[in-house]
């Protein structure tokens, strides 16, 4: 029997599982009265901000695990899950990095082949560079 595809609702739990330092931020975020559940693109923005904080602080030990999970999500995910990772997480990482004064190129060393392709496709589409 074929394994079920990873769905959009699996994206944030998969990222939380490999990035324990985000747990407290996540708990505070979801306890805010303005929080709206099941908005994976908005949630991905929160996760992207946390990743930038980790990179700026030099606390990068979780980033390899995060991008291994990203590769898995892009490989095993259905179309909605892949879109959440590319349009949600990776684009937010680009924007958050720019806002934080981090060269978007800094992320490439953590990417696997699928994340690299998605990143490069975004750069072409948005007429941006890293």
N, C-alpha and C. Protein backbone atom coordinates (compact mmCIF):
# COMPACT_ATOMS: atom_id res chain seq x y z
N UNK A 1 0.84 -1.18 0.00
CA UNK A 1 0.00 0.00 0.00
C UNK A 1 0.89 1.24 0.00
N UNK A 2 0.67 2.20 -0.92
CA UNK A 2 1.52 3.38 -0.98
C UNK A 2 1.34 4.26 0.26
N UNK A 3 2.44 4.90 0.63
CA UNK A 3 2.41 5.80 1.78
C UNK A 3 1.63 7.06 1.42
N UNK A 4 0.84 7.57 2.35
CA UNK A 4 0.07 8.79 2.12
C UNK A 4 1.02 9.97 1.96
N UNK A 5 0.64 10.87 1.08
CA UNK A 5 1.43 12.08 0.87
C UNK A 5 1.38 12.96 2.12
N UNK A 6 2.43 13.71 2.32
CA UNK A 6 2.47 14.71 3.38
C UNK A 6 1.55 15.85 2.93
N UNK A 7 0.75 16.36 3.85
CA UNK A 7 -0.20 17.41 3.51
C UNK A 7 0.22 18.75 4.12
N UNK A 8 -0.47 19.79 3.71
CA UNK A 8 -0.19 21.13 4.21
C UNK A 8 -0.26 21.19 5.74
N UNK A 9 -1.19 20.46 6.32
CA UNK A 9 -1.33 20.48 7.78
C UNK A 9 -0.17 19.79 8.49
N UNK A 10 0.66 19.06 7.76
CA UNK A 10 1.83 18.39 8.33
C UNK A 10 3.07 19.28 8.36
N UNK A 11 3.04 20.41 7.64
CA UNK A 11 4.25 21.22 7.46
C UNK A 11 4.76 21.78 8.78
N UNK A 12 3.94 22.54 9.50
CA UNK A 12 4.42 23.14 10.75
C UNK A 12 4.78 22.11 11.81
N UNK A 13 3.98 21.06 12.01
CA UNK A 13 4.41 20.04 12.98
C UNK A 13 5.77 19.41 12.62
N UNK A 14 6.03 19.22 11.33
CA UNK A 14 7.32 18.65 10.92
C UNK A 14 8.46 19.61 11.25
N UNK A 15 8.24 20.89 11.05
CA UNK A 15 9.28 21.88 11.35
C UNK A 15 9.47 22.03 12.86
N UNK A 16 8.37 22.05 13.59
CA UNK A 16 8.47 22.12 15.06
C UNK A 16 9.23 20.93 15.63
N UNK A 17 9.04 19.77 15.04
CA UNK A 17 9.69 18.56 15.54
C UNK A 17 11.21 18.63 15.45
N UNK A 18 11.73 19.35 14.48
CA UNK A 18 13.18 19.41 14.29
C UNK A 18 13.80 20.72 14.78
N UNK A 19 12.97 21.61 15.30
CA UNK A 19 13.47 22.90 15.78
C UNK A 19 12.89 23.20 17.16
N UNK A 20 13.36 22.49 18.18
CA UNK A 20 12.79 22.66 19.52
C UNK A 20 12.90 24.08 20.06
N UNK A 21 13.87 24.85 19.58
CA UNK A 21 14.01 26.22 20.08
C UNK A 21 12.83 27.10 19.67
N UNK A 22 12.05 26.67 18.70
CA UNK A 22 10.88 27.44 18.27
C UNK A 22 9.66 27.18 19.15
N UNK A 23 9.69 26.14 19.97
CA UNK A 23 8.50 25.74 20.74
C UNK A 23 7.95 26.88 21.60
N UNK A 24 8.81 27.57 22.35
CA UNK A 24 8.32 28.65 23.21
C UNK A 24 7.72 29.78 22.37
N UNK A 25 8.40 30.15 21.29
CA UNK A 25 7.87 31.19 20.39
C UNK A 25 6.51 30.77 19.84
N UNK A 26 6.42 29.51 19.42
CA UNK A 26 5.18 28.99 18.85
C UNK A 26 4.05 29.02 19.89
N UNK A 27 4.35 28.57 21.10
CA UNK A 27 3.33 28.56 22.15
C UNK A 27 2.83 29.97 22.45
N UNK A 28 3.74 30.94 22.49
CA UNK A 28 3.32 32.34 22.70
C UNK A 28 2.50 32.84 21.52
N UNK A 29 2.92 32.52 20.33
CA UNK A 29 2.24 32.95 19.11
C UNK A 29 0.81 32.41 19.06
N UNK A 30 0.62 31.13 19.32
CA UNK A 30 -0.72 30.55 19.22
C UNK A 30 -1.61 30.91 20.40
N UNK A 31 -1.03 31.38 21.50
CA UNK A 31 -1.85 31.78 22.64
C UNK A 31 -2.33 33.23 22.52
N UNK A 32 -1.80 33.97 21.57
CA UNK A 32 -2.24 35.35 21.36
C UNK A 32 -3.69 35.36 20.90
N UNK A 33 -4.47 36.27 21.42
CA UNK A 33 -5.90 36.30 21.06
C UNK A 33 -6.13 36.61 19.58
N UNK A 34 -5.15 37.20 18.92
CA UNK A 34 -5.28 37.51 17.49
C UNK A 34 -4.94 36.31 16.59
N UNK A 35 -4.42 35.23 17.18
CA UNK A 35 -4.02 34.07 16.39
C UNK A 35 -5.23 33.43 15.71
N UNK A 36 -5.05 33.13 14.43
CA UNK A 36 -6.07 32.42 13.66
C UNK A 36 -5.46 31.07 13.27
N UNK A 37 -6.06 29.96 13.70
CA UNK A 37 -5.50 28.65 13.40
C UNK A 37 -5.56 28.30 11.91
N UNK A 38 -4.69 27.38 11.54
CA UNK A 38 -4.69 26.78 10.20
C UNK A 38 -4.41 27.78 9.08
N UNK A 39 -3.54 28.74 9.35
CA UNK A 39 -3.08 29.65 8.31
C UNK A 39 -1.58 29.40 8.12
N UNK A 40 -1.30 28.32 7.42
CA UNK A 40 0.07 27.82 7.33
C UNK A 40 1.03 28.85 6.74
N UNK A 41 0.57 29.69 5.83
CA UNK A 41 1.46 30.69 5.25
C UNK A 41 1.84 31.75 6.27
N UNK A 42 0.90 32.16 7.09
CA UNK A 42 1.18 33.12 8.16
C UNK A 42 2.07 32.47 9.21
N UNK A 43 1.75 31.23 9.56
CA UNK A 43 2.56 30.50 10.53
C UNK A 43 4.00 30.31 10.03
N UNK A 44 4.15 30.07 8.74
CA UNK A 44 5.49 29.91 8.16
C UNK A 44 6.30 31.18 8.32
N UNK A 45 5.64 32.33 8.26
CA UNK A 45 6.33 33.60 8.47
C UNK A 45 6.91 33.69 9.87
N UNK A 46 6.16 33.23 10.86
CA UNK A 46 6.67 33.19 12.23
C UNK A 46 7.90 32.29 12.32
N UNK A 47 7.82 31.15 11.68
CA UNK A 47 8.94 30.22 11.70
C UNK A 47 10.15 30.82 10.99
N UNK A 48 9.92 31.49 9.87
CA UNK A 48 11.02 32.12 9.12
C UNK A 48 11.71 33.18 9.97
N UNK A 49 10.94 33.98 10.71
CA UNK A 49 11.55 34.98 11.59
C UNK A 49 12.44 34.31 12.63
N UNK A 50 11.97 33.21 13.18
CA UNK A 50 12.77 32.49 14.18
C UNK A 50 14.07 31.97 13.56
N UNK A 51 13.99 31.47 12.35
CA UNK A 51 15.19 30.98 11.68
C UNK A 51 16.21 32.10 11.50
N UNK A 52 15.74 33.29 11.17
CA UNK A 52 16.65 34.43 11.03
C UNK A 52 17.29 34.79 12.37
N UNK A 53 16.50 34.72 13.44
CA UNK A 53 17.05 34.96 14.78
C UNK A 53 18.17 33.96 15.08
N UNK A 54 17.93 32.69 14.76
CA UNK A 54 18.95 31.67 14.98
C UNK A 54 20.21 31.97 14.18
N UNK A 55 20.04 32.32 12.91
CA UNK A 55 21.20 32.60 12.06
C UNK A 55 21.97 33.81 12.58
N UNK A 56 21.26 34.87 12.95
CA UNK A 56 21.93 36.07 13.46
C UNK A 56 22.68 35.80 14.76
N UNK A 57 22.12 34.94 15.59
CA UNK A 57 22.75 34.63 16.88
C UNK A 57 23.88 33.61 16.74
N UNK A 58 24.02 33.04 15.54
CA UNK A 58 25.04 32.02 15.35
C UNK A 58 24.64 30.67 15.94
N UNK A 59 23.37 30.53 16.26
CA UNK A 59 22.84 29.29 16.82
C UNK A 59 22.25 28.48 15.68
N UNK A 60 23.12 27.90 14.90
CA UNK A 60 22.70 27.30 13.63
C UNK A 60 22.57 25.78 13.69
N UNK A 61 22.74 25.19 14.87
CA UNK A 61 22.72 23.73 14.97
C UNK A 61 21.40 23.12 14.50
N UNK A 62 20.29 23.84 14.62
CA UNK A 62 19.01 23.29 14.20
C UNK A 62 18.72 23.51 12.71
N UNK A 63 19.44 24.41 12.07
CA UNK A 63 19.11 24.75 10.69
C UNK A 63 19.32 23.58 9.73
N UNK A 64 20.33 22.78 9.94
CA UNK A 64 20.52 21.61 9.08
C UNK A 64 19.33 20.66 9.18
N UNK A 65 18.84 20.45 10.39
CA UNK A 65 17.68 19.58 10.58
C UNK A 65 16.43 20.19 9.96
N UNK A 66 16.29 21.50 10.07
CA UNK A 66 15.14 22.18 9.47
C UNK A 66 15.14 21.97 7.96
N UNK A 67 16.29 22.17 7.33
CA UNK A 67 16.32 22.05 5.88
C UNK A 67 16.30 20.60 5.41
N UNK A 68 16.69 19.67 6.27
CA UNK A 68 16.47 18.25 5.94
C UNK A 68 14.96 17.97 5.95
N UNK A 69 14.25 18.56 6.90
CA UNK A 69 12.79 18.41 6.93
C UNK A 69 12.15 19.09 5.72
N UNK A 70 12.69 20.24 5.33
CA UNK A 70 12.19 20.93 4.13
C UNK A 70 12.34 20.03 2.91
N UNK A 71 13.49 19.38 2.78
CA UNK A 71 13.70 18.46 1.65
C UNK A 71 12.67 17.33 1.67
N UNK A 72 12.45 16.78 2.85
CA UNK A 72 11.46 15.69 2.98
C UNK A 72 10.07 16.19 2.60
N UNK A 73 9.69 17.36 3.07
CA UNK A 73 8.38 17.92 2.76
C UNK A 73 8.23 18.16 1.26
N UNK A 74 9.29 18.66 0.63
CA UNK A 74 9.22 18.91 -0.82
C UNK A 74 9.20 17.60 -1.62
N UNK A 75 9.83 16.57 -1.09
CA UNK A 75 9.86 15.27 -1.78
C UNK A 75 8.56 14.50 -1.58
N UNK A 76 8.05 14.49 -0.38
CA UNK A 76 6.90 13.64 -0.04
C UNK A 76 5.58 14.40 0.04
N UNK A 77 5.65 15.72 -0.07
CA UNK A 77 4.44 16.51 0.10
C UNK A 77 3.54 16.54 -1.11
N UNK A 78 2.24 16.71 -0.84
CA UNK A 78 1.31 16.94 -1.94
C UNK A 78 1.51 18.39 -2.42
N UNK A 79 0.76 18.78 -3.42
CA UNK A 79 0.96 20.11 -4.01
C UNK A 79 0.79 21.22 -2.97
N UNK A 80 -0.21 21.12 -2.11
CA UNK A 80 -0.43 22.15 -1.10
C UNK A 80 0.71 22.22 -0.09
N UNK A 81 1.23 21.08 0.31
CA UNK A 81 2.36 21.06 1.25
C UNK A 81 3.59 21.69 0.60
N UNK A 82 3.85 21.33 -0.65
CA UNK A 82 5.01 21.91 -1.35
C UNK A 82 4.86 23.41 -1.52
N UNK A 83 3.66 23.86 -1.84
CA UNK A 83 3.42 25.31 -1.96
C UNK A 83 3.62 26.01 -0.62
N UNK A 84 3.19 25.39 0.46
CA UNK A 84 3.38 25.99 1.78
C UNK A 84 4.86 26.14 2.10
N UNK A 85 5.65 25.16 1.69
CA UNK A 85 7.10 25.22 1.94
C UNK A 85 7.76 26.26 1.04
N UNK A 86 7.40 26.28 -0.24
CA UNK A 86 8.06 27.20 -1.17
C UNK A 86 7.52 28.62 -1.04
N UNK A 87 6.24 28.79 -1.25
CA UNK A 87 5.64 30.12 -1.22
C UNK A 87 5.51 30.63 0.20
N UNK A 88 5.31 29.74 1.14
CA UNK A 88 5.22 30.15 2.53
C UNK A 88 6.58 30.31 3.16
N UNK A 89 7.24 29.22 3.45
CA UNK A 89 8.47 29.27 4.23
C UNK A 89 9.66 29.88 3.49
N UNK A 90 10.01 29.37 2.32
CA UNK A 90 11.23 29.84 1.66
C UNK A 90 11.15 31.30 1.24
N UNK A 91 10.02 31.73 0.72
CA UNK A 91 9.88 33.15 0.38
C UNK A 91 9.93 34.01 1.63
N UNK A 92 9.31 33.55 2.71
CA UNK A 92 9.37 34.31 3.96
C UNK A 92 10.79 34.37 4.50
N UNK A 93 11.54 33.29 4.36
CA UNK A 93 12.95 33.32 4.77
C UNK A 93 13.69 34.40 4.00
N UNK A 94 13.44 34.49 2.70
CA UNK A 94 14.10 35.52 1.88
C UNK A 94 13.76 36.91 2.41
N UNK A 95 12.46 37.18 2.59
CA UNK A 95 12.03 38.51 3.04
C UNK A 95 12.52 38.82 4.45
N UNK A 96 12.41 37.87 5.34
CA UNK A 96 12.86 38.09 6.72
C UNK A 96 14.37 38.32 6.76
N UNK A 97 15.11 37.60 5.95
CA UNK A 97 16.56 37.80 5.89
C UNK A 97 16.88 39.20 5.40
N UNK A 98 16.21 39.63 4.35
CA UNK A 98 16.42 41.00 3.85
C UNK A 98 16.13 42.02 4.95
N UNK A 99 15.00 41.87 5.62
CA UNK A 99 14.61 42.81 6.67
C UNK A 99 15.60 42.81 7.83
N UNK A 100 16.21 41.67 8.10
CA UNK A 100 17.15 41.54 9.22
C UNK A 100 18.58 41.90 8.82
N UNK A 101 18.79 42.25 7.55
CA UNK A 101 20.14 42.58 7.10
C UNK A 101 21.02 41.36 6.87
N UNK A 102 20.40 40.21 6.67
CA UNK A 102 21.12 38.96 6.39
C UNK A 102 21.13 38.75 4.89
N UNK A 103 22.28 38.46 4.33
CA UNK A 103 22.32 38.14 2.91
C UNK A 103 21.53 36.86 2.67
N UNK A 104 20.56 36.89 1.77
CA UNK A 104 19.81 35.67 1.48
C UNK A 104 20.72 34.51 1.07
N UNK A 105 21.89 34.82 0.56
CA UNK A 105 22.85 33.78 0.15
C UNK A 105 23.29 32.92 1.34
N UNK A 106 23.22 33.47 2.55
CA UNK A 106 23.63 32.73 3.74
C UNK A 106 22.85 31.42 3.92
N UNK A 107 21.65 31.34 3.36
CA UNK A 107 20.82 30.16 3.55
C UNK A 107 21.23 29.00 2.66
N UNK A 108 21.86 29.29 1.54
CA UNK A 108 22.14 28.25 0.54
C UNK A 108 22.92 27.06 1.10
N UNK A 109 23.81 27.29 2.04
CA UNK A 109 24.62 26.19 2.56
C UNK A 109 23.79 25.14 3.30
N UNK A 110 22.58 25.50 3.66
CA UNK A 110 21.70 24.57 4.37
C UNK A 110 20.75 23.83 3.43
N UNK A 111 20.62 24.31 2.21
CA UNK A 111 19.64 23.76 1.27
C UNK A 111 20.07 22.42 0.71
N UNK A 112 19.10 21.56 0.49
CA UNK A 112 19.28 20.37 -0.32
C UNK A 112 18.88 20.72 -1.75
N UNK A 113 18.87 19.75 -2.63
CA UNK A 113 18.60 20.04 -4.05
C UNK A 113 17.18 20.57 -4.31
N UNK A 114 16.19 20.09 -3.60
CA UNK A 114 14.81 20.56 -3.85
C UNK A 114 14.63 21.99 -3.36
N UNK A 115 15.16 22.30 -2.20
CA UNK A 115 15.08 23.67 -1.69
C UNK A 115 15.86 24.61 -2.60
N UNK A 116 17.00 24.16 -3.10
CA UNK A 116 17.78 24.99 -4.03
C UNK A 116 16.97 25.30 -5.28
N UNK A 117 16.33 24.29 -5.85
CA UNK A 117 15.50 24.52 -7.05
C UNK A 117 14.35 25.48 -6.76
N UNK A 118 13.70 25.30 -5.63
CA UNK A 118 12.58 26.17 -5.27
C UNK A 118 13.06 27.60 -5.05
N UNK A 119 14.19 27.76 -4.40
CA UNK A 119 14.78 29.07 -4.13
C UNK A 119 15.13 29.76 -5.44
N UNK A 120 15.79 29.03 -6.33
CA UNK A 120 16.18 29.61 -7.61
C UNK A 120 14.97 29.97 -8.46
N UNK A 121 13.94 29.15 -8.43
CA UNK A 121 12.71 29.46 -9.16
C UNK A 121 12.08 30.74 -8.61
N UNK A 122 12.09 30.89 -7.29
CA UNK A 122 11.56 32.11 -6.69
C UNK A 122 12.38 33.32 -7.13
N UNK A 123 13.70 33.21 -7.11
CA UNK A 123 14.55 34.34 -7.50
C UNK A 123 14.26 34.78 -8.93
N UNK A 124 14.09 33.83 -9.83
CA UNK A 124 13.77 34.15 -11.23
C UNK A 124 12.40 34.82 -11.30
N UNK A 125 11.41 34.23 -10.65
CA UNK A 125 10.05 34.75 -10.69
C UNK A 125 9.98 36.17 -10.12
N UNK A 126 10.65 36.40 -9.01
CA UNK A 126 10.58 37.69 -8.33
C UNK A 126 11.61 38.69 -8.85
N UNK A 127 12.42 38.25 -9.80
CA UNK A 127 13.49 39.10 -10.35
C UNK A 127 14.38 39.63 -9.23
N UNK A 128 14.78 38.70 -8.39
CA UNK A 128 15.66 39.02 -7.26
C UNK A 128 16.95 38.22 -7.40
N UNK A 129 17.88 38.53 -6.53
CA UNK A 129 19.12 37.75 -6.49
C UNK A 129 19.47 37.51 -5.03
N UNK A 130 20.38 36.62 -4.84
CA UNK A 130 20.86 36.41 -3.47
C UNK A 130 22.35 36.63 -3.49
